[in-house]
């Protein structure tokens, strides 16, 4: 379990374009990213550099199908909503996360590591699971090159 290093970090309030949908299964996440990229083009949104691209999994527990998934990218300024994307001022939050390289096959071990860390360090999950793509499948098709930060919105237990 010590293969992964858990860190707690603050994600600041930020302007984002967001696309949220119910996915038959997680392999369809790319469709949300395609809709988001189309909305970035439609609105001529100026991307924050480097952009903060994240996926939020809104289901309270893991589901096999019909997952409530949201993708966001950080932008500079404010933009109108499009047919598929919404402009929002996303709130700041505290995240306990692990940065890892490679495929998503590691997710079970990563979530178990974070859960154990949270218990030992007296934190509790208070929001969705989040993946931040530092090098994503959209940027590089080779899973060996992917770099992902995965974690949960947390708060210190009382």
N, C-alpha and C. Protein backbone atom coordinates (compact mmCIF):
# COMPACT_ATOMS: atom_id res chain seq x y z
N UNK A 1 0.82 -1.21 0.00
CA UNK A 1 0.00 0.00 0.00
C UNK A 1 0.85 1.26 0.00
N UNK A 2 2.12 1.15 0.36
CA UNK A 2 2.98 2.34 0.39
C UNK A 2 3.50 2.71 -0.99
N UNK A 3 3.00 2.03 -2.01
CA UNK A 3 3.41 2.32 -3.38
C UNK A 3 2.94 3.72 -3.81
N UNK A 4 1.86 4.21 -3.19
CA UNK A 4 1.27 5.49 -3.57
C UNK A 4 1.38 6.48 -2.41
N UNK A 5 1.70 7.73 -2.74
CA UNK A 5 1.85 8.78 -1.74
C UNK A 5 0.61 9.66 -1.75
N UNK A 6 -0.11 9.72 -0.62
CA UNK A 6 -1.31 10.54 -0.51
C UNK A 6 -0.92 11.94 -0.03
N UNK A 7 -1.42 12.96 -0.72
CA UNK A 7 -1.20 14.35 -0.31
C UNK A 7 -2.55 15.05 -0.18
N UNK A 8 -2.58 16.05 0.67
CA UNK A 8 -3.78 16.90 0.80
C UNK A 8 -3.44 18.24 0.19
N UNK A 9 -4.32 18.73 -0.68
CA UNK A 9 -4.05 20.01 -1.35
C UNK A 9 -5.34 20.78 -1.50
N UNK A 10 -5.18 22.08 -1.67
CA UNK A 10 -6.32 22.96 -1.89
C UNK A 10 -6.46 23.23 -3.39
N UNK A 11 -7.66 23.05 -3.90
CA UNK A 11 -7.98 23.43 -5.27
C UNK A 11 -8.76 24.75 -5.15
N UNK A 12 -8.24 25.83 -5.72
CA UNK A 12 -8.90 27.14 -5.55
C UNK A 12 -10.19 27.26 -6.37
N UNK A 13 -10.99 28.25 -6.00
CA UNK A 13 -12.15 28.58 -6.82
C UNK A 13 -11.66 28.88 -8.22
N UNK A 14 -12.43 28.49 -9.23
CA UNK A 14 -11.99 28.71 -10.60
C UNK A 14 -13.18 28.78 -11.53
N UNK A 15 -12.99 29.46 -12.67
CA UNK A 15 -13.99 29.51 -13.73
C UNK A 15 -13.80 28.27 -14.61
N UNK A 16 -14.90 27.57 -14.87
CA UNK A 16 -14.79 26.36 -15.69
C UNK A 16 -15.94 26.28 -16.69
N UNK A 17 -15.65 25.58 -17.78
CA UNK A 17 -16.71 25.08 -18.64
C UNK A 17 -16.90 23.63 -18.22
N UNK A 18 -18.15 23.22 -18.09
CA UNK A 18 -18.48 21.91 -17.54
C UNK A 18 -19.51 21.19 -18.41
N UNK A 19 -19.30 19.88 -18.59
CA UNK A 19 -20.29 19.02 -19.24
C UNK A 19 -20.55 17.86 -18.29
N UNK A 20 -21.82 17.63 -17.99
CA UNK A 20 -22.20 16.55 -17.07
C UNK A 20 -23.22 15.66 -17.75
N UNK A 21 -23.08 14.36 -17.52
CA UNK A 21 -24.02 13.42 -18.12
C UNK A 21 -24.03 12.09 -17.41
N UNK A 22 -25.01 11.28 -17.76
CA UNK A 22 -25.10 9.91 -17.24
C UNK A 22 -24.50 9.01 -18.32
N UNK A 23 -23.45 8.27 -17.94
CA UNK A 23 -22.75 7.41 -18.89
C UNK A 23 -23.13 5.96 -18.67
N UNK A 24 -23.43 5.25 -19.75
CA UNK A 24 -23.76 3.83 -19.64
C UNK A 24 -22.63 3.07 -18.98
N UNK A 25 -21.38 3.44 -19.31
CA UNK A 25 -20.22 2.90 -18.60
C UNK A 25 -19.07 3.91 -18.70
N UNK A 26 -18.05 3.70 -17.88
CA UNK A 26 -16.98 4.69 -17.74
C UNK A 26 -16.14 4.85 -19.01
N UNK A 27 -16.16 3.88 -19.90
CA UNK A 27 -15.36 3.99 -21.12
C UNK A 27 -15.89 5.11 -22.03
N UNK A 28 -17.08 5.61 -21.75
CA UNK A 28 -17.68 6.65 -22.59
C UNK A 28 -17.33 8.07 -22.13
N UNK A 29 -16.45 8.19 -21.13
CA UNK A 29 -16.07 9.51 -20.62
C UNK A 29 -15.54 10.41 -21.74
N UNK A 30 -14.84 9.84 -22.70
CA UNK A 30 -14.28 10.61 -23.81
C UNK A 30 -15.34 11.40 -24.56
N UNK A 31 -16.57 10.89 -24.62
CA UNK A 31 -17.65 11.62 -25.30
C UNK A 31 -17.94 12.94 -24.60
N UNK A 32 -17.87 12.95 -23.26
CA UNK A 32 -18.07 14.21 -22.53
C UNK A 32 -16.95 15.19 -22.85
N UNK A 33 -15.71 14.68 -22.91
CA UNK A 33 -14.57 15.55 -23.24
C UNK A 33 -14.71 16.13 -24.65
N UNK A 34 -15.23 15.33 -25.59
CA UNK A 34 -15.43 15.84 -26.95
C UNK A 34 -16.47 16.97 -26.95
N UNK A 35 -17.55 16.78 -26.20
CA UNK A 35 -18.56 17.84 -26.11
C UNK A 35 -17.97 19.10 -25.47
N UNK A 36 -17.13 18.91 -24.46
CA UNK A 36 -16.51 20.05 -23.80
C UNK A 36 -15.58 20.79 -24.76
N UNK A 37 -14.77 20.06 -25.50
CA UNK A 37 -13.87 20.70 -26.46
C UNK A 37 -14.65 21.46 -27.53
N UNK A 38 -15.78 20.91 -27.96
CA UNK A 38 -16.61 21.60 -28.94
C UNK A 38 -17.15 22.91 -28.35
N UNK A 39 -17.53 22.89 -27.09
CA UNK A 39 -18.03 24.09 -26.44
C UNK A 39 -16.94 25.13 -26.25
N UNK A 40 -15.72 24.69 -25.99
CA UNK A 40 -14.59 25.62 -25.89
C UNK A 40 -14.43 26.35 -27.22
N UNK A 41 -14.53 25.60 -28.32
CA UNK A 41 -14.42 26.22 -29.65
C UNK A 41 -15.59 27.18 -29.92
N UNK A 42 -16.81 26.73 -29.60
CA UNK A 42 -18.00 27.55 -29.85
C UNK A 42 -17.93 28.88 -29.11
N UNK A 43 -17.50 28.85 -27.87
CA UNK A 43 -17.47 30.07 -27.04
C UNK A 43 -16.18 30.86 -27.22
N UNK A 44 -15.21 30.25 -27.93
CA UNK A 44 -13.88 30.83 -28.07
C UNK A 44 -13.28 31.12 -26.70
N UNK A 45 -13.51 30.19 -25.78
CA UNK A 45 -13.02 30.34 -24.41
C UNK A 45 -11.50 30.34 -24.37
N UNK A 46 -10.96 31.20 -23.53
CA UNK A 46 -9.52 31.24 -23.33
C UNK A 46 -9.18 30.27 -22.21
N UNK A 47 -8.37 29.28 -22.53
CA UNK A 47 -8.01 28.24 -21.57
C UNK A 47 -6.96 28.76 -20.61
N UNK A 48 -7.10 28.39 -19.34
CA UNK A 48 -6.05 28.68 -18.36
C UNK A 48 -4.85 27.81 -18.70
N UNK A 49 -3.65 28.34 -18.56
CA UNK A 49 -2.44 27.58 -18.89
C UNK A 49 -1.58 27.36 -17.65
N UNK A 50 -1.24 26.12 -17.31
CA UNK A 50 -1.81 24.93 -17.93
C UNK A 50 -3.26 24.77 -17.47
N UNK A 51 -4.09 24.17 -18.31
CA UNK A 51 -5.49 24.02 -17.92
C UNK A 51 -5.62 23.00 -16.78
N UNK A 52 -6.63 23.19 -15.96
CA UNK A 52 -6.94 22.23 -14.91
C UNK A 52 -8.13 21.44 -15.43
N UNK A 53 -7.84 20.26 -15.99
CA UNK A 53 -8.88 19.39 -16.54
C UNK A 53 -9.21 18.33 -15.51
N UNK A 54 -10.49 18.27 -15.12
CA UNK A 54 -10.84 17.27 -14.12
C UNK A 54 -12.15 16.58 -14.44
N UNK A 55 -12.23 15.34 -13.96
CA UNK A 55 -13.45 14.55 -14.06
C UNK A 55 -13.97 14.35 -12.65
N UNK A 56 -15.24 14.65 -12.44
CA UNK A 56 -15.88 14.46 -11.15
C UNK A 56 -16.89 13.33 -11.26
N UNK A 57 -16.81 12.40 -10.34
CA UNK A 57 -17.72 11.25 -10.31
C UNK A 57 -18.72 11.50 -9.18
N UNK A 58 -19.95 11.88 -9.54
CA UNK A 58 -20.91 12.36 -8.56
C UNK A 58 -21.67 11.25 -7.83
N UNK A 59 -21.59 10.01 -8.27
CA UNK A 59 -22.26 8.94 -7.54
C UNK A 59 -21.59 8.76 -6.18
N UNK A 60 -22.39 8.53 -5.15
CA UNK A 60 -21.85 8.39 -3.79
C UNK A 60 -20.97 7.15 -3.68
N UNK A 61 -21.35 6.09 -4.38
CA UNK A 61 -20.55 4.87 -4.39
C UNK A 61 -20.29 4.49 -5.84
N UNK A 62 -19.34 3.58 -6.04
CA UNK A 62 -19.03 3.09 -7.38
C UNK A 62 -20.25 2.41 -7.97
N UNK A 63 -20.56 2.71 -9.22
CA UNK A 63 -21.65 2.05 -9.94
C UNK A 63 -21.09 1.42 -11.20
N UNK A 64 -21.65 0.30 -11.59
CA UNK A 64 -21.20 -0.40 -12.80
C UNK A 64 -21.68 0.29 -14.08
N UNK A 65 -22.88 0.89 -14.01
CA UNK A 65 -23.45 1.52 -15.20
C UNK A 65 -24.25 2.74 -14.79
N UNK A 66 -24.57 3.58 -15.78
CA UNK A 66 -25.33 4.81 -15.57
C UNK A 66 -24.66 5.71 -14.52
N UNK A 67 -23.37 5.95 -14.74
CA UNK A 67 -22.58 6.78 -13.83
C UNK A 67 -22.84 8.27 -14.10
N UNK A 68 -22.95 9.04 -13.02
CA UNK A 68 -23.14 10.49 -13.09
C UNK A 68 -21.75 11.13 -13.11
N UNK A 69 -21.33 11.58 -14.30
CA UNK A 69 -19.96 12.04 -14.50
C UNK A 69 -19.96 13.46 -15.07
N UNK A 70 -19.03 14.28 -14.57
CA UNK A 70 -18.87 15.65 -15.04
C UNK A 70 -17.42 15.86 -15.42
N UNK A 71 -17.19 16.55 -16.53
CA UNK A 71 -15.84 16.94 -16.92
C UNK A 71 -15.77 18.46 -16.93
N UNK A 72 -14.62 18.98 -16.50
CA UNK A 72 -14.43 20.43 -16.42
C UNK A 72 -13.06 20.81 -16.95
N UNK A 73 -13.00 22.00 -17.55
CA UNK A 73 -11.71 22.59 -17.87
C UNK A 73 -11.72 24.03 -17.40
N UNK A 74 -10.58 24.48 -16.88
CA UNK A 74 -10.49 25.84 -16.35
C UNK A 74 -10.30 26.84 -17.48
N UNK A 75 -11.00 27.96 -17.35
CA UNK A 75 -10.95 29.00 -18.37
C UNK A 75 -10.71 30.35 -17.70
N UNK A 76 -10.25 31.30 -18.50
CA UNK A 76 -10.04 32.67 -18.04
C UNK A 76 -11.22 33.49 -18.55
N UNK A 77 -11.91 34.15 -17.64
CA UNK A 77 -13.06 34.95 -18.02
C UNK A 77 -14.36 34.20 -17.83
N UNK A 78 -15.43 34.81 -18.34
CA UNK A 78 -16.77 34.22 -18.23
C UNK A 78 -17.32 34.04 -19.63
N UNK A 79 -18.14 32.98 -19.80
CA UNK A 79 -18.64 32.63 -21.12
C UNK A 79 -20.10 32.22 -21.04
N UNK A 80 -20.81 32.33 -22.15
CA UNK A 80 -22.22 31.89 -22.15
C UNK A 80 -22.28 30.36 -22.14
N UNK A 81 -23.37 29.84 -21.60
CA UNK A 81 -23.59 28.39 -21.68
C UNK A 81 -23.83 28.02 -23.14
N UNK A 82 -23.51 26.79 -23.48
CA UNK A 82 -23.80 26.29 -24.83
C UNK A 82 -24.87 25.21 -24.70
N UNK A 83 -25.20 24.61 -25.80
CA UNK A 83 -26.21 23.54 -25.78
C UNK A 83 -25.77 22.38 -24.89
N UNK A 84 -24.47 22.14 -24.83
CA UNK A 84 -23.98 20.98 -24.07
C UNK A 84 -23.15 21.33 -22.84
N UNK A 85 -22.62 22.54 -22.77
CA UNK A 85 -21.72 22.90 -21.66
C UNK A 85 -22.27 24.08 -20.87
N UNK A 86 -21.91 24.09 -19.59
CA UNK A 86 -22.34 25.15 -18.70
C UNK A 86 -21.10 25.87 -18.17
N UNK A 87 -21.17 27.20 -18.14
CA UNK A 87 -20.11 27.97 -17.50
C UNK A 87 -20.45 28.08 -16.02
N UNK A 88 -19.50 27.73 -15.15
CA UNK A 88 -19.74 27.86 -13.72
C UNK A 88 -18.50 28.38 -13.01
N UNK A 89 -18.72 29.01 -11.86
CA UNK A 89 -17.64 29.38 -10.96
C UNK A 89 -17.57 28.22 -9.97
N UNK A 90 -16.61 27.33 -10.17
CA UNK A 90 -16.49 26.13 -9.35
C UNK A 90 -15.87 26.50 -8.00
N UNK A 91 -16.45 25.99 -6.92
CA UNK A 91 -15.95 26.37 -5.59
C UNK A 91 -14.60 25.73 -5.27
N UNK A 92 -13.90 26.35 -4.35
CA UNK A 92 -12.64 25.78 -3.84
C UNK A 92 -12.97 24.53 -3.02
N UNK A 93 -12.01 23.62 -2.93
CA UNK A 93 -12.19 22.44 -2.09
C UNK A 93 -10.84 21.87 -1.69
N UNK A 94 -10.87 21.02 -0.67
CA UNK A 94 -9.68 20.31 -0.21
C UNK A 94 -9.75 18.90 -0.78
N UNK A 95 -8.63 18.44 -1.31
CA UNK A 95 -8.58 17.13 -1.96
C UNK A 95 -7.44 16.30 -1.38
N UNK A 96 -7.74 15.05 -1.07
CA UNK A 96 -6.70 14.07 -0.72
C UNK A 96 -6.50 13.24 -1.97
N UNK A 97 -5.26 13.20 -2.48
CA UNK A 97 -5.07 12.57 -3.79
C UNK A 97 -3.73 11.86 -3.90
N UNK A 98 -3.65 11.08 -4.97
CA UNK A 98 -2.44 10.34 -5.35
C UNK A 98 -2.17 10.65 -6.81
N UNK A 99 -0.93 10.97 -7.15
CA UNK A 99 -0.53 11.12 -8.54
C UNK A 99 0.11 9.80 -8.97
N UNK A 100 -0.35 9.28 -10.10
CA UNK A 100 0.20 8.01 -10.58
C UNK A 100 0.38 8.04 -12.08
N UNK A 101 1.27 7.19 -12.56
CA UNK A 101 1.53 7.03 -13.99
C UNK A 101 0.96 5.71 -14.44
N UNK A 102 0.50 5.67 -15.69
CA UNK A 102 0.03 4.42 -16.26
C UNK A 102 -1.48 4.36 -16.38
N UNK A 103 -1.97 3.17 -16.63
CA UNK A 103 -3.39 2.96 -16.93
C UNK A 103 -4.26 3.05 -15.68
N UNK A 104 -5.56 3.09 -15.92
CA UNK A 104 -6.53 3.19 -14.84
C UNK A 104 -6.78 1.85 -14.16
N UNK A 105 -6.08 0.80 -14.57
CA UNK A 105 -6.21 -0.51 -13.92
C UNK A 105 -5.81 -0.44 -12.45
N UNK A 106 -5.09 0.60 -12.06
CA UNK A 106 -4.60 0.76 -10.69
C UNK A 106 -5.64 1.37 -9.76
N UNK A 107 -6.79 1.77 -10.28
CA UNK A 107 -7.73 2.57 -9.50
C UNK A 107 -8.18 1.91 -8.20
N UNK A 108 -8.40 0.61 -8.20
CA UNK A 108 -8.84 -0.06 -6.97
C UNK A 108 -7.79 0.08 -5.88
N UNK A 109 -6.53 -0.17 -6.23
CA UNK A 109 -5.44 -0.03 -5.24
C UNK A 109 -5.31 1.41 -4.77
N UNK A 110 -5.46 2.35 -5.69
CA UNK A 110 -5.33 3.77 -5.34
C UNK A 110 -6.44 4.20 -4.40
N UNK A 111 -7.68 3.83 -4.70
CA UNK A 111 -8.79 4.24 -3.83
C UNK A 111 -8.68 3.56 -2.47
N UNK A 112 -8.20 2.32 -2.42
CA UNK A 112 -8.00 1.65 -1.14
C UNK A 112 -6.91 2.36 -0.33
N UNK A 113 -5.83 2.74 -1.00
CA UNK A 113 -4.74 3.46 -0.33
C UNK A 113 -5.25 4.77 0.26
N UNK A 114 -6.03 5.52 -0.53
CA UNK A 114 -6.56 6.80 -0.04
C UNK A 114 -7.52 6.56 1.13
N UNK A 115 -8.40 5.57 1.01
CA UNK A 115 -9.35 5.28 2.09
C UNK A 115 -8.62 4.94 3.39
N UNK A 116 -7.58 4.13 3.30
CA UNK A 116 -6.79 3.79 4.50
C UNK A 116 -6.12 5.03 5.07
N UNK A 117 -5.56 5.86 4.21
CA UNK A 117 -4.89 7.08 4.65
C UNK A 117 -5.88 8.01 5.35
N UNK A 118 -7.07 8.16 4.78
CA UNK A 118 -8.08 9.03 5.37
C UNK A 118 -8.44 8.58 6.78
N UNK A 119 -8.60 7.28 6.95
CA UNK A 119 -8.96 6.75 8.26
C UNK A 119 -7.85 7.00 9.28
N UNK A 120 -6.62 6.71 8.92
CA UNK A 120 -5.48 6.90 9.82
C UNK A 120 -5.29 8.37 10.17
N UNK A 121 -5.52 9.26 9.22
CA UNK A 121 -5.26 10.69 9.41
C UNK A 121 -6.50 11.51 9.77
N UNK A 122 -7.60 10.81 10.05
CA UNK A 122 -8.85 11.42 10.53
C UNK A 122 -9.43 12.45 9.57
N UNK A 123 -9.53 12.05 8.31
CA UNK A 123 -10.25 12.82 7.31
C UNK A 123 -11.47 12.03 6.89
N UNK A 124 -12.46 12.75 6.35
CA UNK A 124 -13.65 12.08 5.81
C UNK A 124 -13.94 12.60 4.42
N UNK A 125 -14.55 11.78 3.60
CA UNK A 125 -14.94 12.16 2.24
C UNK A 125 -16.22 13.00 2.34
N UNK A 126 -16.20 14.18 1.72
CA UNK A 126 -17.35 15.09 1.76
C UNK A 126 -17.81 15.53 0.37
N UNK A 127 -17.27 14.89 -0.65
CA UNK A 127 -17.63 15.26 -2.01
C UNK A 127 -17.21 14.18 -2.98
N UNK A 128 -17.27 14.47 -4.26
CA UNK A 128 -17.05 13.45 -5.27
C UNK A 128 -15.60 12.97 -5.37
N UNK A 129 -15.47 11.80 -5.99
CA UNK A 129 -14.15 11.35 -6.44
C UNK A 129 -13.79 12.21 -7.64
N UNK A 130 -12.49 12.54 -7.76
CA UNK A 130 -12.04 13.43 -8.83
C UNK A 130 -10.77 12.86 -9.45
N UNK A 131 -10.71 12.91 -10.77
CA UNK A 131 -9.47 12.62 -11.50
C UNK A 131 -9.04 13.90 -12.20
N UNK A 132 -7.78 14.25 -12.03
CA UNK A 132 -7.20 15.38 -12.76
C UNK A 132 -6.20 14.80 -13.75
N UNK A 133 -6.42 15.05 -15.02
CA UNK A 133 -5.53 14.52 -16.05
C UNK A 133 -4.37 15.45 -16.30
N UNK A 134 -3.17 15.01 -15.93
CA UNK A 134 -1.96 15.80 -16.22
C UNK A 134 -1.43 15.43 -17.61
N UNK A 135 -1.44 14.14 -17.94
CA UNK A 135 -1.25 13.66 -19.31
C UNK A 135 -2.37 12.65 -19.52
N UNK A 136 -3.32 13.01 -20.35
CA UNK A 136 -4.56 12.23 -20.48
C UNK A 136 -4.58 11.39 -21.75
N UNK A 137 -5.55 10.45 -21.83
CA UNK A 137 -5.72 9.67 -23.06
C UNK A 137 -5.94 10.54 -24.29
N UNK A 138 -6.54 11.72 -24.09
CA UNK A 138 -6.75 12.63 -25.21
C UNK A 138 -5.46 13.25 -25.73
N UNK A 139 -4.44 13.28 -24.88
CA UNK A 139 -3.16 13.87 -25.27
C UNK A 139 -2.18 12.82 -25.76
N UNK A 140 -2.30 11.60 -25.24
CA UNK A 140 -1.37 10.53 -25.60
C UNK A 140 -2.12 9.21 -25.54
N UNK A 141 -2.22 8.49 -26.64
CA UNK A 141 -2.98 7.24 -26.63
C UNK A 141 -2.29 6.10 -25.85
N UNK A 142 -1.01 6.24 -25.54
CA UNK A 142 -0.28 5.18 -24.85
C UNK A 142 -0.49 5.29 -23.34
N UNK A 143 -1.18 4.29 -22.72
CA UNK A 143 -1.44 4.34 -21.27
C UNK A 143 -0.18 4.45 -20.42
N UNK A 144 0.95 3.96 -20.93
CA UNK A 144 2.19 4.04 -20.16
C UNK A 144 2.60 5.48 -19.88
N UNK A 145 2.14 6.41 -20.72
CA UNK A 145 2.53 7.82 -20.60
C UNK A 145 1.52 8.67 -19.83
N UNK A 146 0.39 8.09 -19.45
CA UNK A 146 -0.63 8.87 -18.75
C UNK A 146 -0.15 9.22 -17.35
N UNK A 147 -0.47 10.43 -16.91
CA UNK A 147 -0.21 10.87 -15.54
C UNK A 147 -1.53 11.44 -15.02
N UNK A 148 -2.04 10.83 -13.96
CA UNK A 148 -3.34 11.18 -13.42
C UNK A 148 -3.22 11.45 -11.93
N UNK A 149 -3.98 12.40 -11.46
CA UNK A 149 -4.11 12.64 -10.03
C UNK A 149 -5.52 12.24 -9.66
N UNK A 150 -5.66 11.30 -8.75
CA UNK A 150 -6.96 10.78 -8.38
C UNK A 150 -7.18 10.94 -6.88
N UNK A 151 -8.37 11.37 -6.50
CA UNK A 151 -8.63 11.54 -5.08
C UNK A 151 -10.07 11.90 -4.79
N UNK A 152 -10.28 12.42 -3.59
CA UNK A 152 -11.62 12.73 -3.12
C UNK A 152 -11.63 14.10 -2.46
N UNK A 153 -12.80 14.75 -2.50
CA UNK A 153 -13.00 15.97 -1.75
C UNK A 153 -13.15 15.54 -0.27
N UNK A 154 -12.34 16.16 0.60
CA UNK A 154 -12.29 15.72 1.99
C UNK A 154 -12.35 16.90 2.96
N UNK A 155 -12.60 16.56 4.22
CA UNK A 155 -12.52 17.51 5.32
C UNK A 155 -11.98 16.77 6.53
N UNK A 156 -11.34 17.49 7.42
CA UNK A 156 -10.82 16.89 8.66
C UNK A 156 -12.01 16.45 9.51
N UNK A 157 -11.96 15.24 10.06
CA UNK A 157 -13.03 14.75 10.92
C UNK A 157 -13.06 15.58 12.21
N UNK A 158 -14.24 15.78 12.73
CA UNK A 158 -14.38 16.60 13.96
C UNK A 158 -13.92 15.84 15.18
